Amino acid sequence: MPLPKIHTAEDVAQMLHVSTRTLREILKDKPFYRKVGQRKVFTDADVSSLLEALQCRLSSPADMAAKTGTSVAPSEASLWTKLQALTNETGRKKSASGEKRRSSTVPSTERERQRRSLKPA
């Protein structure tokens, strides 16, 4: 009986047109490989099983469901709604730092002059 052809993880990743890291992620769910020491090796049968499992996943009804989400550019209606929201916002509140501050401990120089001018000398 002839020995089957053995492929490395790098070979299989190249066959599937994915990175070796992606292949490792796939193999967590679909362990179609053999271990030789710490290395994972693949027979032709392993590669075929892996390919079949991936095709089943790609053609599953859950993946075929209509996908909803944001398109490349927002629609005109969406832009109009955002614009209306921006124009209907109330003005910004004035901060406390923008208002005049009065110090109760330091008398105004004008008030001090008036007080001194009213004092008898």
PDB file of N, CA and C in Angstrom:
ATOM      1  N   MET A   1       0.851  -1.182   0.000  1.00  0.00           N
ATOM      2  CA  MET A   1       0.000   0.000   0.000  1.00  0.00           C
ATOM      3  C   MET A   1       0.898   1.248   0.000  1.00  0.00           C
ATOM      4  N   PRO A   2       0.704   2.154  -0.990  1.00  0.00           N
ATOM      5  CA  PRO A   2       1.551   3.346  -1.054  1.00  0.00           C
ATOM      6  C   PRO A   2       1.149   4.360   0.018  1.00  0.00           C
ATOM      7  N   LEU A   3       2.116   5.098   0.455  1.00  0.00           N
ATOM      8  CA  LEU A   3       1.863   6.142   1.452  1.00  0.00           C
ATOM      9  C   LEU A   3       1.105   7.300   0.795  1.00  0.00           C
ATOM     10  N   PRO A   4       0.138   7.892   1.552  1.00  0.00           N
ATOM     11  CA  PRO A   4      -0.579   9.045   0.987  1.00  0.00           C
ATOM     12  C   PRO A   4       0.333  10.264   0.952  1.00  0.00           C
ATOM     13  N   LYS A   5       0.023  11.172   0.065  1.00  0.00           N
ATOM     14  CA  LYS A   5       0.793  12.408  -0.030  1.00  0.00           C
ATOM     15  C   LYS A   5       0.470  13.265   1.199  1.00  0.00           C
ATOM     16  N   ILE A   6       1.494  13.814   1.794  1.00  0.00           N
ATOM     17  CA  ILE A   6       1.341  14.621   3.011  1.00  0.00           C
ATOM     18  C   ILE A   6       1.567  16.094   2.659  1.00  0.00           C
ATOM     19  N   HIS A   7       0.671  16.952   3.193  1.00  0.00           N
ATOM     20  CA  HIS A   7       0.754  18.401   2.972  1.00  0.00           C
ATOM     21  C   HIS A   7       0.993  19.083   4.316  1.00  0.00           C
ATOM     22  N   THR A   8       1.742  20.158   4.303  1.00  0.00           N
ATOM     23  CA  THR A   8       1.942  20.959   5.514  1.00  0.00           C
ATOM     24  C   THR A   8       0.801  21.979   5.630  1.00  0.00           C
ATOM     25  N   ALA A   9       0.727  22.625   6.772  1.00  0.00           N
ATOM     26  CA  ALA A   9      -0.294  23.660   6.985  1.00  0.00           C
ATOM     27  C   ALA A   9      -0.106  24.804   5.989  1.00  0.00           C
ATOM     28  N   GLU A  10       1.121  25.127   5.689  1.00  0.00           N
ATOM     29  CA  GLU A  10       1.406  26.203   4.721  1.00  0.00           C
ATOM     30  C   GLU A  10       0.880  25.827   3.335  1.00  0.00           C
ATOM     31  N   ASP A  11       1.074  24.545   2.951  1.00  0.00           N
ATOM     32  CA  ASP A  11       0.586  24.074   1.651  1.00  0.00           C
ATOM     33  C   ASP A  11      -0.942  24.177   1.572  1.00  0.00           C
ATOM     34  N   VAL A  12      -1.601  23.711   2.629  1.00  0.00           N
ATOM     35  CA  VAL A  12      -3.071  23.707   2.641  1.00  0.00           C
ATOM     36  C   VAL A  12      -3.605  25.137   2.644  1.00  0.00           C
ATOM     37  N   ALA A  13      -2.988  26.012   3.402  1.00  0.00           N
ATOM     38  CA  ALA A  13      -3.415  27.418   3.428  1.00  0.00           C
ATOM     39  C   ALA A  13      -3.303  28.021   2.036  1.00  0.00           C
ATOM     40  N   GLN A  14      -2.213  27.687   1.342  1.00  0.00           N
ATOM     41  CA  GLN A  14      -2.029  28.200  -0.013  1.00  0.00           C
ATOM     42  C   GLN A  14      -3.093  27.633  -0.960  1.00  0.00           C
ATOM     43  N   MET A  15      -3.435  26.346  -0.798  1.00  0.00           N
ATOM     44  CA  MET A  15      -4.478  25.726  -1.631  1.00  0.00           C
ATOM     45  C   MET A  15      -5.832  26.402  -1.426  1.00  0.00           C
ATOM     46  N   LEU A  16      -6.109  26.780  -0.172  1.00  0.00           N
ATOM     47  CA  LEU A  16      -7.395  27.403   0.160  1.00  0.00           C
ATOM     48  C   LEU A  16      -7.378  28.919  -0.033  1.00  0.00           C
ATOM     49  N   HIS A  17      -6.239  29.467  -0.383  1.00  0.00           N
ATOM     50  CA  HIS A  17      -6.066  30.911  -0.576  1.00  0.00           C
ATOM     51  C   HIS A  17      -6.385  31.699   0.694  1.00  0.00           C
ATOM     52  N   VAL A  18      -5.874  31.186   1.812  1.00  0.00           N
ATOM     53  CA  VAL A  18      -6.015  31.871   3.097  1.00  0.00           C
ATOM     54  C   VAL A  18      -4.644  31.898   3.761  1.00  0.00           C
ATOM     55  N   SER A  19      -4.527  32.698   4.790  1.00  0.00           N
ATOM     56  CA  SER A  19      -3.265  32.744   5.540  1.00  0.00           C
ATOM     57  C   SER A  19      -3.197  31.530   6.471  1.00  0.00           C
ATOM     58  N   THR A  20      -2.003  31.242   6.959  1.00  0.00           N
ATOM     59  CA  THR A  20      -1.870  30.126   7.896  1.00  0.00           C
ATOM     60  C   THR A  20      -2.605  30.421   9.201  1.00  0.00           C
ATOM     61  N   ARG A  21      -2.680  31.678   9.565  1.00  0.00           N
ATOM     62  CA  ARG A  21      -3.428  32.051  10.770  1.00  0.00           C
ATOM     63  C   ARG A  21      -4.916  31.768  10.587  1.00  0.00           C
ATOM     64  N   THR A  22      -5.461  32.105   9.419  1.00  0.00           N
ATOM     65  CA  THR A  22      -6.870  31.821   9.146  1.00  0.00           C
ATOM     66  C   THR A  22      -7.103  30.317   9.141  1.00  0.00           C
ATOM     67  N   LEU A  23      -6.177  29.568   8.576  1.00  0.00           N
ATOM     68  CA  LEU A  23      -6.300  28.112   8.562  1.00  0.00           C
ATOM     69  C   LEU A  23      -6.348  27.572   9.988  1.00  0.00           C
ATOM     70  N   ARG A  24      -5.496  28.094  10.883  1.00  0.00           N
ATOM     71  CA  ARG A  24      -5.520  27.657  12.285  1.00  0.00           C
ATOM     72  C   ARG A  24      -6.874  27.928  12.924  1.00  0.00           C
ATOM     73  N   GLU A  25      -7.468  29.080  12.613  1.00  0.00           N
ATOM     74  CA  GLU A  25      -8.801  29.403  13.148  1.00  0.00           C
ATOM     75  C   GLU A  25      -9.852  28.421  12.619  1.00  0.00           C
ATOM     76  N   ILE A  26      -9.777  28.096  11.348  1.00  0.00           N
ATOM     77  CA  ILE A  26     -10.716  27.150  10.741  1.00  0.00           C
ATOM     78  C   ILE A  26     -10.563  25.773  11.392  1.00  0.00           C
ATOM     79  N   LEU A  27      -9.328  25.364  11.643  1.00  0.00           N
ATOM     80  CA  LEU A  27      -9.067  24.035  12.199  1.00  0.00           C
ATOM     81  C   LEU A  27      -9.547  23.881  13.636  1.00  0.00           C
ATOM     82  N   LYS A  28      -9.796  24.986  14.332  1.00  0.00           N
ATOM     83  CA  LYS A  28     -10.352  24.888  15.687  1.00  0.00           C
ATOM     84  C   LYS A  28     -11.727  24.244  15.648  1.00  0.00           C
ATOM     85  N   ASP A  29     -12.526  24.563  14.616  1.00  0.00           N
ATOM     86  CA  ASP A  29     -13.872  23.997  14.473  1.00  0.00           C
ATOM     87  C   ASP A  29     -13.886  22.719  13.639  1.00  0.00           C
ATOM     88  N   LYS A  30     -12.943  22.594  12.740  1.00  0.00           N
ATOM     89  CA  LYS A  30     -12.918  21.470  11.806  1.00  0.00           C
ATOM     90  C   LYS A  30     -11.547  20.807  11.837  1.00  0.00           C
ATOM     91  N   PRO A  31     -11.341  19.914  12.793  1.00  0.00           N
ATOM     92  CA  PRO A  31     -10.004  19.325  12.956  1.00  0.00           C
ATOM     93  C   PRO A  31      -9.714  18.195  11.959  1.00  0.00           C
ATOM     94  N   PHE A  32      -9.603  18.529  10.696  1.00  0.00           N
ATOM     95  CA  PHE A  32      -9.273  17.542   9.676  1.00  0.00           C
ATOM     96  C   PHE A  32      -7.765  17.564   9.426  1.00  0.00           C
ATOM     97  N   TYR A  33      -6.999  16.954  10.317  1.00  0.00           N
ATOM     98  CA  TYR A  33      -5.554  16.910  10.181  1.00  0.00           C
ATOM     99  C   TYR A  33      -5.013  15.787  11.050  1.00  0.00           C
ATOM    100  N   ARG A  34      -3.753  15.515  10.912  1.00  0.00           N
ATOM    101  CA  ARG A  34      -3.046  14.550  11.745  1.00  0.00           C
ATOM    102  C   ARG A  34      -1.892  15.308  12.413  1.00  0.00           C
ATOM    103  N   LYS A  35      -1.507  14.850  13.590  1.00  0.00           N
ATOM    104  CA  LYS A  35      -0.381  15.490  14.276  1.00  0.00           C
ATOM    105  C   LYS A  35       0.836  14.594  14.192  1.00  0.00           C
ATOM    106  N   VAL A  36       1.924  15.202  13.799  1.00  0.00           N
ATOM    107  CA  VAL A  36       3.217  14.526  13.819  1.00  0.00           C
ATOM    108  C   VAL A  36       4.092  15.367  14.734  1.00  0.00           C
ATOM    109  N   GLY A  37       4.217  14.931  15.967  1.00  0.00           N
ATOM    110  CA  GLY A  37       4.898  15.744  16.975  1.00  0.00           C
ATOM    111  C   GLY A  37       4.018  16.953  17.269  1.00  0.00           C
ATOM    112  N   GLN A  38       4.559  18.130  17.092  1.00  0.00           N
ATOM    113  CA  GLN A  38       3.787  19.361  17.304  1.00  0.00           C
ATOM    114  C   GLN A  38       3.215  19.919  16.001  1.00  0.00           C
ATOM    115  N   ARG A  39       3.575  19.311  14.871  1.00  0.00           N
ATOM    116  CA  ARG A  39       3.150  19.823  13.560  1.00  0.00           C
ATOM    117  C   ARG A  39       1.853  19.175  13.128  1.00  0.00           C
ATOM    118  N   LYS A  40       1.040  19.943  12.433  1.00  0.00           N
ATOM    119  CA  LYS A  40      -0.187  19.426  11.829  1.00  0.00           C
ATOM    120  C   LYS A  40       0.113  19.120  10.376  1.00  0.00           C
ATOM    121  N   VAL A  41      -0.246  17.916   9.955  1.00  0.00           N
ATOM    122  CA  VAL A  41      -0.064  17.530   8.560  1.00  0.00           C
ATOM    123  C   VAL A  41      -1.406  17.063   8.014  1.00  0.00           C
ATOM    124  N   PHE A  42      -1.529  17.114   6.694  1.00  0.00           N
ATOM    125  CA  PHE A  42      -2.795  16.828   6.043  1.00  0.00           C
ATOM    126  C   PHE A  42      -2.591  15.825   4.908  1.00  0.00           C
ATOM    127  N   THR A  43      -3.500  14.852   4.831  1.00  0.00           N
ATOM    128  CA  THR A  43      -3.518  13.960   3.671  1.00  0.00           C
ATOM    129  C   THR A  43      -4.454  14.574   2.636  1.00  0.00           C
ATOM    130  N   ASP A  44      -4.479  13.996   1.437  1.00  0.00           N
ATOM    131  CA  ASP A  44      -5.414  14.480   0.416  1.00  0.00           C
ATOM    132  C   ASP A  44      -6.852  14.345   0.910  1.00  0.00           C
ATOM    133  N   ALA A  45      -7.127  13.267   1.653  1.00  0.00           N
ATOM    134  CA  ALA A  45      -8.479  13.049   2.195  1.00  0.00           C
ATOM    135  C   ALA A  45      -8.836  14.135   3.211  1.00  0.00           C
ATOM    136  N   ASP A  46      -7.860  14.532   4.038  1.00  0.00           N
ATOM    137  CA  ASP A  46      -8.085  15.609   5.018  1.00  0.00           C
ATOM    138  C   ASP A  46      -8.411  16.920   4.314  1.00  0.00           C
ATOM    139  N   VAL A  47      -7.666  17.228   3.271  1.00  0.00           N
ATOM    140  CA  VAL A  47      -7.883  18.463   2.517  1.00  0.00           C
ATOM    141  C   VAL A  47      -9.267  18.440   1.873  1.00  0.00           C
ATOM    142  N   SER A  48      -9.669  17.295   1.319  1.00  0.00           N
ATOM    143  CA  SER A  48     -10.998  17.173   0.708  1.00  0.00           C
ATOM    144  C   SER A  48     -12.095  17.344   1.748  1.00  0.00           C
ATOM    145  N   SER A  49     -11.922  16.726   2.922  1.00  0.00           N
ATOM    146  CA  SER A  49     -12.913  16.862   4.000  1.00  0.00           C
ATOM    147  C   SER A  49     -13.011  18.306   4.476  1.00  0.00           C
ATOM    148  N   LEU A  50     -11.879  18.947   4.584  1.00  0.00           N
ATOM    149  CA  LEU A  50     -11.850  20.350   5.017  1.00  0.00           C
ATOM    150  C   LEU A  50     -12.542  21.244   3.992  1.00  0.00           C
ATOM    151  N   LEU A  51     -12.257  21.011   2.730  1.00  0.00           N
ATOM    152  CA  LEU A  51     -12.888  21.787   1.661  1.00  0.00           C
ATOM    153  C   LEU A  51     -14.401  21.583   1.661  1.00  0.00           C
ATOM    154  N   GLU A  52     -14.840  20.344   1.828  1.00  0.00           N
ATOM    155  CA  GLU A  52     -16.272  20.040   1.854  1.00  0.00           C
ATOM    156  C   GLU A  52     -16.953  20.720   3.037  1.00  0.00           C
ATOM    157  N   ALA A  53     -16.315  20.691   4.205  1.00  0.00           N
ATOM    158  CA  ALA A  53     -16.884  21.334   5.394  1.00  0.00           C
ATOM    159  C   ALA A  53     -16.990  22.838   5.205  1.00  0.00           C
ATOM    160  N   LEU A  54     -15.996  23.423   4.553  1.00  0.00           N
ATOM    161  CA  LEU A  54     -16.034  24.867   4.314  1.00  0.00           C
ATOM    162  C   LEU A  54     -17.116  25.233   3.314  1.00  0.00           C
ATOM    163  N   GLN A  55     -17.309  24.423   2.279  1.00  0.00           N
ATOM    164  CA  GLN A  55     -18.348  24.712   1.285  1.00  0.00           C
ATOM    165  C   GLN A  55     -19.725  24.612   1.907  1.00  0.00           C
ATOM    166  N   CYS A  56     -19.927  23.647   2.803  1.00  0.00           N
ATOM    167  CA  CYS A  56     -21.220  23.509   3.470  1.00  0.00           C
ATOM    168  C   CYS A  56     -21.502  24.744   4.320  1.00  0.00           C
ATOM    169  N   ARG A  57     -20.477  25.235   4.986  1.00  0.00           N
ATOM    170  CA  ARG A  57     -20.660  26.418   5.835  1.00  0.00           C
ATOM    171  C   ARG A  57     -20.983  27.642   5.000  1.00  0.00           C
ATOM    172  N   LEU A  58     -20.335  27.766   3.848  1.00  0.00           N
ATOM    173  CA  LEU A  58     -20.547  28.936   2.998  1.00  0.00           C
ATOM    174  C   LEU A  58     -21.913  28.932   2.331  1.00  0.00           C
ATOM    175  N   SER A  59     -22.494  27.767   2.130  1.00  0.00           N
ATOM    176  CA  SER A  59     -23.789  27.707   1.450  1.00  0.00           C
ATOM    177  C   SER A  59     -24.928  27.430   2.419  1.00  0.00           C
ATOM    178  N   SER A  60     -24.707  27.630   3.715  1.00  0.00           N
ATOM    179  CA  SER A  60     -25.763  27.372   4.695  1.00  0.00           C
ATOM    180  C   SER A  60     -26.844  28.446   4.594  1.00  0.00           C
ATOM    181  N   PRO A  61     -28.108  28.083   4.919  1.00  0.00           N
ATOM    182  CA  PRO A  61     -29.207  29.050   4.830  1.00  0.00           C
ATOM    183  C   PRO A  61     -29.007  30.281   5.716  1.00  0.00           C
ATOM    184  N   ALA A  62     -28.334  30.130   6.842  1.00  0.00           N
ATOM    185  CA  ALA A  62     -28.113  31.280   7.733  1.00  0.00           C
ATOM    186  C   ALA A  62     -27.278  32.343   7.027  1.00  0.00           C
ATOM    187  N   ASP A  63     -26.311  31.901   6.229  1.00  0.00           N
ATOM    188  CA  ASP A  63     -25.463  32.861   5.518  1.00  0.00           C
ATOM    189  C   ASP A  63     -26.171  33.437   4.308  1.00  0.00           C
ATOM    190  N   MET A  64     -27.177  32.721   3.794  1.00  0.00           N
ATOM    191  CA  MET A  64     -27.879  33.177   2.604  1.00  0.00           C
ATOM    192  C   MET A  64     -28.960  34.217   2.942  1.00  0.00           C
ATOM    193  N   ALA A  65     -29.285  34.363   4.241  1.00  0.00           N
ATOM    194  CA  ALA A  65     -30.333  35.299   4.643  1.00  0.00           C
ATOM    195  C   ALA A  65     -29.990  36.708   4.187  1.00  0.00           C
ATOM    196  N   ALA A  66     -31.035  37.480   3.935  1.00  0.00           N
ATOM    197  CA  ALA A  66     -30.822  38.856   3.479  1.00  0.00           C
ATOM    198  C   ALA A  66     -30.086  39.632   4.559  1.00  0.00           C
ATOM    199  N   LYS A  67     -29.040  40.307   4.162  1.00  0.00           N
ATOM    200  CA  LYS A  67     -28.256  41.079   5.112  1.00  0.00           C
ATOM    201  C   LYS A  67     -28.720  42.526   5.058  1.00  0.00           C
ATOM    202  N   THR A  68     -28.860  43.098   6.213  1.00  0.00           N
ATOM    203  CA  THR A  68     -29.249  44.500   6.289  1.00  0.00           C
ATOM    204  C   THR A  68     -28.114  45.269   6.929  1.00  0.00           C
ATOM    205  N   GLY A  69     -28.066  46.517   6.647  1.00  0.00           N
ATOM    206  CA  GLY A  69     -27.014  47.334   7.231  1.00  0.00           C
ATOM    207  C   GLY A  69     -26.881  48.636   6.469  1.00  0.00           C
ATOM    208  N   THR A  70     -25.805  49.299   6.700  1.00  0.00           N
ATOM    209  CA  THR A  70     -25.555  50.590   6.081  1.00  0.00           C
ATOM    210  C   THR A  70     -24.927  50.385   4.712  1.00  0.00           C
ATOM    211  N   SER A  71     -25.399  51.145   3.762  1.00  0.00           N
ATOM    212  CA  SER A  71     -24.796  51.077   2.438  1.00  0.00           C
ATOM    213  C   SER A  71     -23.518  51.906   2.433  1.00  0.00           C
ATOM    214  N   VAL A  72     -22.887  51.978   1.298  1.00  0.00           N
ATOM    215  CA  VAL A  72     -21.625  52.704   1.192  1.00  0.00           C
ATOM    216  C   VAL A  72     -21.819  54.174   1.544  1.00  0.00           C
ATOM    217  N   ALA A  73     -22.850  54.782   0.989  1.00  0.00           N
ATOM    218  CA  ALA A  73     -23.112  56.195   1.262  1.00  0.00           C
ATOM    219  C   ALA A  73     -24.509  56.325   1.879  1.00  0.00           C
ATOM    220  N   PRO A  74     -24.694  57.269   2.804  1.00  0.00           N
ATOM    221  CA  PRO A  74     -26.013  57.445   3.385  1.00  0.00           C
ATOM    222  C   PRO A  74     -27.010  57.916   2.325  1.00  0.00           C
ATOM    223  N   SER A  75     -28.254  57.497   2.501  1.00  0.00           N
ATOM    224  CA  SER A  75     -29.270  57.880   1.531  1.00  0.00           C
ATOM    225  C   SER A  75     -29.598  59.367   1.659  1.00  0.00           C
ATOM    226  N   GLU A  76     -30.276  59.890   0.676  1.00  0.00           N
ATOM    227  CA  GLU A  76     -30.652  61.302   0.693  1.00  0.00           C
ATOM    228  C   GLU A  76     -31.608  61.582   1.847  1.00  0.00           C
ATOM    229  N   ALA A  77     -32.530  60.625   2.086  1.00  0.00           N
ATOM    230  CA  ALA A  77     -33.490  60.784   3.186  1.00  0.00           C
ATOM    231  C   ALA A  77     -32.760  60.809   4.526  1.00  0.00           C
ATOM    232  N   SER A  78     -31.744  59.966   4.670  1.00  0.00           N
ATOM    233  CA  SER A  78     -30.979  59.921   5.902  1.00  0.00           C
ATOM    234  C   SER A  78     -30.245  61.243   6.126  1.00  0.00           C
ATOM    235  N   LEU A  79     -29.645  61.770   5.080  1.00  0.00           N
ATOM    236  CA  LEU A  79     -28.954  63.056   5.197  1.00  0.00           C
ATOM    237  C   LEU A  79     -29.927  64.173   5.554  1.00  0.00           C
ATOM    238  N   TRP A  80     -31.122  64.139   4.954  1.00  0.00           N
ATOM    239  CA  TRP A  80     -32.131  65.156   5.223  1.00  0.00           C
ATOM    240  C   TRP A  80     -32.552  65.105   6.689  1.00  0.00           C
ATOM    241  N   THR A  81     -32.749  63.900   7.212  1.00  0.00           N
ATOM    242  CA  THR A  81     -33.142  63.738   8.614  1.00  0.00           C
ATOM    243  C   THR A  81     -32.064  64.292   9.539  1.00  0.00           C
ATOM    244  N   LYS A  82     -30.815  64.002   9.251  1.00  0.00           N
ATOM    245  CA  LYS A  82     -29.715  64.508  10.080  1.00  0.00           C
ATOM    246  C   LYS A  82     -29.639  66.028  10.022  1.00  0.00           C
ATOM    247  N   LEU A  83     -29.838  66.580   8.838  1.00  0.00           N
ATOM    248  CA  LEU A  83     -29.803  68.021   8.672  1.00  0.00           C
ATOM    249  C   LEU A  83     -30.923  68.695   9.464  1.00  0.00           C
ATOM    250  N   GLN A  84     -32.122  68.122   9.415  1.00  0.00           N
ATOM    251  CA  GLN A  84     -33.241  68.681  10.178  1.00  0.00           C
ATOM    252  C   GLN A  84     -32.948  68.646  11.673  1.00  0.00           C
ATOM    253  N   ALA A  85     -32.368  67.547  12.134  1.00  0.00           N
ATOM    254  CA  ALA A  85     -32.047  67.437  13.557  1.00  0.00           C
ATOM    255  C   ALA A  85     -31.037  68.505  13.970  1.00  0.00           C
ATOM    256  N   LEU A  86     -30.058  68.759  13.124  1.00  0.00           N
ATOM    257  CA  LEU A  86     -29.052  69.777  13.447  1.00  0.00           C
ATOM    258  C   LEU A  86     -29.640  71.182  13.463  1.00  0.00           C
ATOM    259  N   THR A  87     -30.552  71.487  12.531  1.00  0.00           N
ATOM    260  CA  THR A  87     -31.110  72.833  12.465  1.00  0.00           C
ATOM    261  C   THR A  87     -32.164  73.068  13.534  1.00  0.00           C
ATOM    262  N   ASN A  88     -32.756  72.013  14.072  1.00  0.00           N
ATOM    263  CA  ASN A  88     -33.787  72.172  15.094  1.00  0.00           C
ATOM    264  C   ASN A  88     -33.232  72.185  16.505  1.00  0.00           C
ATOM    265  N   GLU A  89     -31.933  71.939  16.652  1.00  0.00           N
ATOM    266  CA  GLU A  89     -31.342  71.944  17.982  1.00  0.00           C
ATOM    267  C   GLU A  89     -31.367  73.356  18.552  1.00  0.00           C
ATOM    268  N   THR A  90     -31.548  73.428  19.869  1.00  0.00           N
ATOM    269  CA  THR A  90     -31.507  74.728  20.528  1.00  0.00           C
ATOM    270  C   THR A  90     -30.062  75.180  20.614  1.00  0.00           C
ATOM    271  N   GLY A  91     -29.886  76.473  20.796  1.00  0.00           N
ATOM    272  CA  GLY A  91     -28.537  77.027  20.859  1.00  0.00           C
ATOM    273  C   GLY A  91     -27.756  76.470  22.034  1.00  0.00           C
ATOM    274  N   ARG A  92     -26.490  76.691  22.010  1.00  0.00           N
ATOM    275  CA  ARG A  92     -25.645  76.212  23.089  1.00  0.00           C
ATOM    276  C   ARG A  92     -25.892  77.027  24.348  1.00  0.00           C
ATOM    277  N   LYS A  93     -25.809  76.368  25.465  1.00  0.00           N
ATOM    278  CA  LYS A  93     -25.973  77.054  26.746  1.00  0.00           C
ATOM    279  C   LYS A  93     -24.712  77.860  27.026  1.00  0.00           C
ATOM    280  N   LYS A  94     -24.915  79.024  27.627  1.00  0.00           N
ATOM    281  CA  LYS A  94     -23.763  79.853  27.979  1.00  0.00           C
ATOM    282  C   LYS A  94     -23.082  79.252  29.188  1.00  0.00           C
ATOM    283  N   SER A  95     -21.798  79.216  29.144  1.00  0.00           N
ATOM    284  CA  SER A  95     -21.056  78.662  30.274  1.00  0.00           C
ATOM    285  C   SER A  95     -20.917  79.715  31.358  1.00  0.00           C
ATOM    286  N   ALA A  96     -20.631  79.263  32.541  1.00  0.00           N
ATOM    287  CA  ALA A  96     -20.478  80.175  33.672  1.00  0.00           C
ATOM    288  C   ALA A  96     -19.278  81.091  33.475  1.00  0.00           C
ATOM    289  N   SER A  97     -18.282  80.628  32.760  1.00  0.00           N
ATOM    290  CA  SER A  97     -17.091  81.446  32.577  1.00  0.00           C
ATOM    291  C   SER A  97     -17.365  82.625  31.643  1.00  0.00           C
ATOM    292  N   GLY A  98     -18.435  82.554  30.855  1.00  0.00           N
ATOM    293  CA  GLY A  98     -18.765  83.643  29.944  1.00  0.00           C
ATOM    294  C   GLY A  98     -19.492  84.782  30.636  1.00  0.00           C
ATOM    295  N   GLU A  99     -20.027  84.530  31.811  1.00  0.00           N
ATOM    296  CA  GLU A  99     -20.769  85.565  32.525  1.00  0.00           C
ATOM    297  C   GLU A  99     -19.806  86.412  33.354  1.00  0.00           C
ATOM    298  N   LYS A 100     -20.285  87.641  33.725  1.00  0.00           N
ATOM    299  CA  LYS A 100     -19.455  88.512  34.559  1.00  0.00           C
ATOM    300  C   LYS A 100     -19.377  87.940  35.970  1.00  0.00           C
ATOM    301  N   ARG A 101     -18.212  88.029  36.496  1.00  0.00           N
ATOM    302  CA  ARG A 101     -18.024  87.553  37.866  1.00  0.00           C
ATOM    303  C   ARG A 101     -17.905  88.750  38.793  1.00  0.00           C
ATOM    304  N   ARG A 102     -18.478  88.605  39.928  1.00  0.00           N
ATOM    305  CA  ARG A 102     -18.377  89.673  40.930  1.00  0.00           C
ATOM    306  C   ARG A 102     -17.755  89.089  42.177  1.00  0.00           C
ATOM    307  N   SER A 103     -16.826  89.777  42.680  1.00  0.00           N
ATOM    308  CA  SER A 103     -16.172  89.317  43.885  1.00  0.00           C
ATOM    309  C   SER A 103     -16.760  90.071  45.066  1.00  0.00           C
ATOM    310  N   SER A 104     -17.193  89.343  46.055  1.00  0.00           N
ATOM    311  CA  SER A 104     -17.796  89.999  47.216  1.00  0.00           C
ATOM    312  C   SER A 104     -16.741  90.451  48.219  1.00  0.00           C
ATOM    313  N   THR A 105     -15.527  89.970  48.103  1.00  0.00           N
ATOM    314  CA  THR A 105     -14.509  90.321  49.092  1.00  0.00           C
ATOM    315  C   THR A 105     -13.664  91.513  48.664  1.00  0.00           C
ATOM    316  N   VAL A 106     -13.590  91.817  47.355  1.00  0.00           N
ATOM    317  CA  VAL A 106     -12.768  92.922  46.891  1.00  0.00           C
ATOM    318  C   VAL A 106     -13.695  94.027  46.380  1.00  0.00           C
ATOM    319  N   PRO A 107     -13.642  95.201  47.001  1.00  0.00           N
ATOM    320  CA  PRO A 107     -14.519  96.271  46.542  1.00  0.00           C
ATOM    321  C   PRO A 107     -14.062  96.818  45.194  1.00  0.00           C
ATOM    322  N   SER A 108     -15.008  97.263  44.432  1.00  0.00           N
ATOM    323  CA  SER A 108     -14.716  97.845  43.133  1.00  0.00           C
ATOM    324  C   SER A 108     -13.894  99.111  43.336  1.00  0.00           C
ATOM    325  N   THR A 109     -12.993  99.392  42.423  1.00  0.00           N
ATOM    326  CA  THR A 109     -12.171 100.597  42.550  1.00  0.00           C
ATOM    327  C   THR A 109     -13.036 101.842  42.433  1.00  0.00           C
ATOM    328  N   GLU A 110     -14.091 101.813  41.610  1.00  0.00           N
ATOM    329  CA  GLU A 110     -14.995 102.960  41.464  1.00  0.00           C
ATOM    330  C   GLU A 110     -15.732 103.207  42.782  1.00  0.00           C
ATOM    331  N   ARG A 111     -16.223 102.125  43.381  1.00  0.00           N
ATOM    332  CA  ARG A 111     -16.936 102.275  44.650  1.00  0.00           C
ATOM    333  C   ARG A 111     -15.987 102.790  45.742  1.00  0.00           C
ATOM    334  N   GLU A 112     -14.761 102.322  45.704  1.00  0.00           N
ATOM    335  CA  GLU A 112     -13.775 102.767  46.691  1.00  0.00           C
ATOM    336  C   GLU A 112     -13.489 104.270  46.531  1.00  0.00           C
ATOM    337  N   ARG A 113     -13.391 104.754  45.303  1.00  0.00           N
ATOM    338  CA  ARG A 113     -13.156 106.186  45.074  1.00  0.00           C
ATOM    339  C   ARG A 113     -14.331 107.012  45.584  1.00  0.00           C
ATOM    340  N   GLN A 114     -15.549 106.532  45.312  1.00  0.00           N
ATOM    341  CA  GLN A 114     -16.725 107.269  45.762  1.00  0.00           C
ATOM    342  C   GLN A 114     -16.755 107.316  47.289  1.00  0.00           C
ATOM    343  N   ARG A 115     -16.432 106.233  47.918  1.00  0.00           N
ATOM    344  CA  ARG A 115     -16.456 106.172  49.379  1.00  0.00           C
ATOM    345  C   ARG A 115     -15.426 107.151  49.956  1.00  0.00           C
ATOM    346  N   ARG A 116     -14.245 107.220  49.340  1.00  0.00           N
ATOM    347  CA  ARG A 116     -13.201 108.095  49.835  1.00  0.00           C
ATOM    348  C   ARG A 116     -13.571 109.573  49.624  1.00  0.00           C
ATOM    349  N   SER A 117     -14.240 109.852  48.495  1.00  0.00           N
ATOM    350  CA  SER A 117     -14.589 111.241  48.229  1.00  0.00           C
ATOM    351  C   SER A 117     -15.680 111.712  49.173  1.00  0.00           C
ATOM    352  N   LEU A 118     -16.512 110.818  49.698  1.00  0.00           N
ATOM    353  CA  LEU A 118     -17.556 111.210  50.628  1.00  0.00           C
ATOM    354  C   LEU A 118     -17.047 111.351  52.053  1.00  0.00           C
ATOM    355  N   LYS A 119     -15.900 110.822  52.356  1.00  0.00           N
ATOM    356  CA  LYS A 119     -15.337 110.887  53.693  1.00  0.00           C
ATOM    357  C   LYS A 119     -14.840 112.303  53.975  1.00  0.00           C
ATOM    358  N   PRO A 120     -15.115 112.783  55.167  1.00  0.00           N
ATOM    359  CA  PRO A 120     -14.531 114.077  55.519  1.00  0.00           C
ATOM    360  C   PRO A 120     -13.022 113.932  55.762  1.00  0.00           C
ATOM    361  N   ALA A 121     -12.279 114.855  55.315  1.00  0.00           N
ATOM    362  CA  ALA A 121     -10.820 114.779  55.438  1.00  0.00           C
ATOM    363  C   ALA A 121     -10.320 115.244  56.749  1.00  0.00           C
TER     364      ALA A 121
END
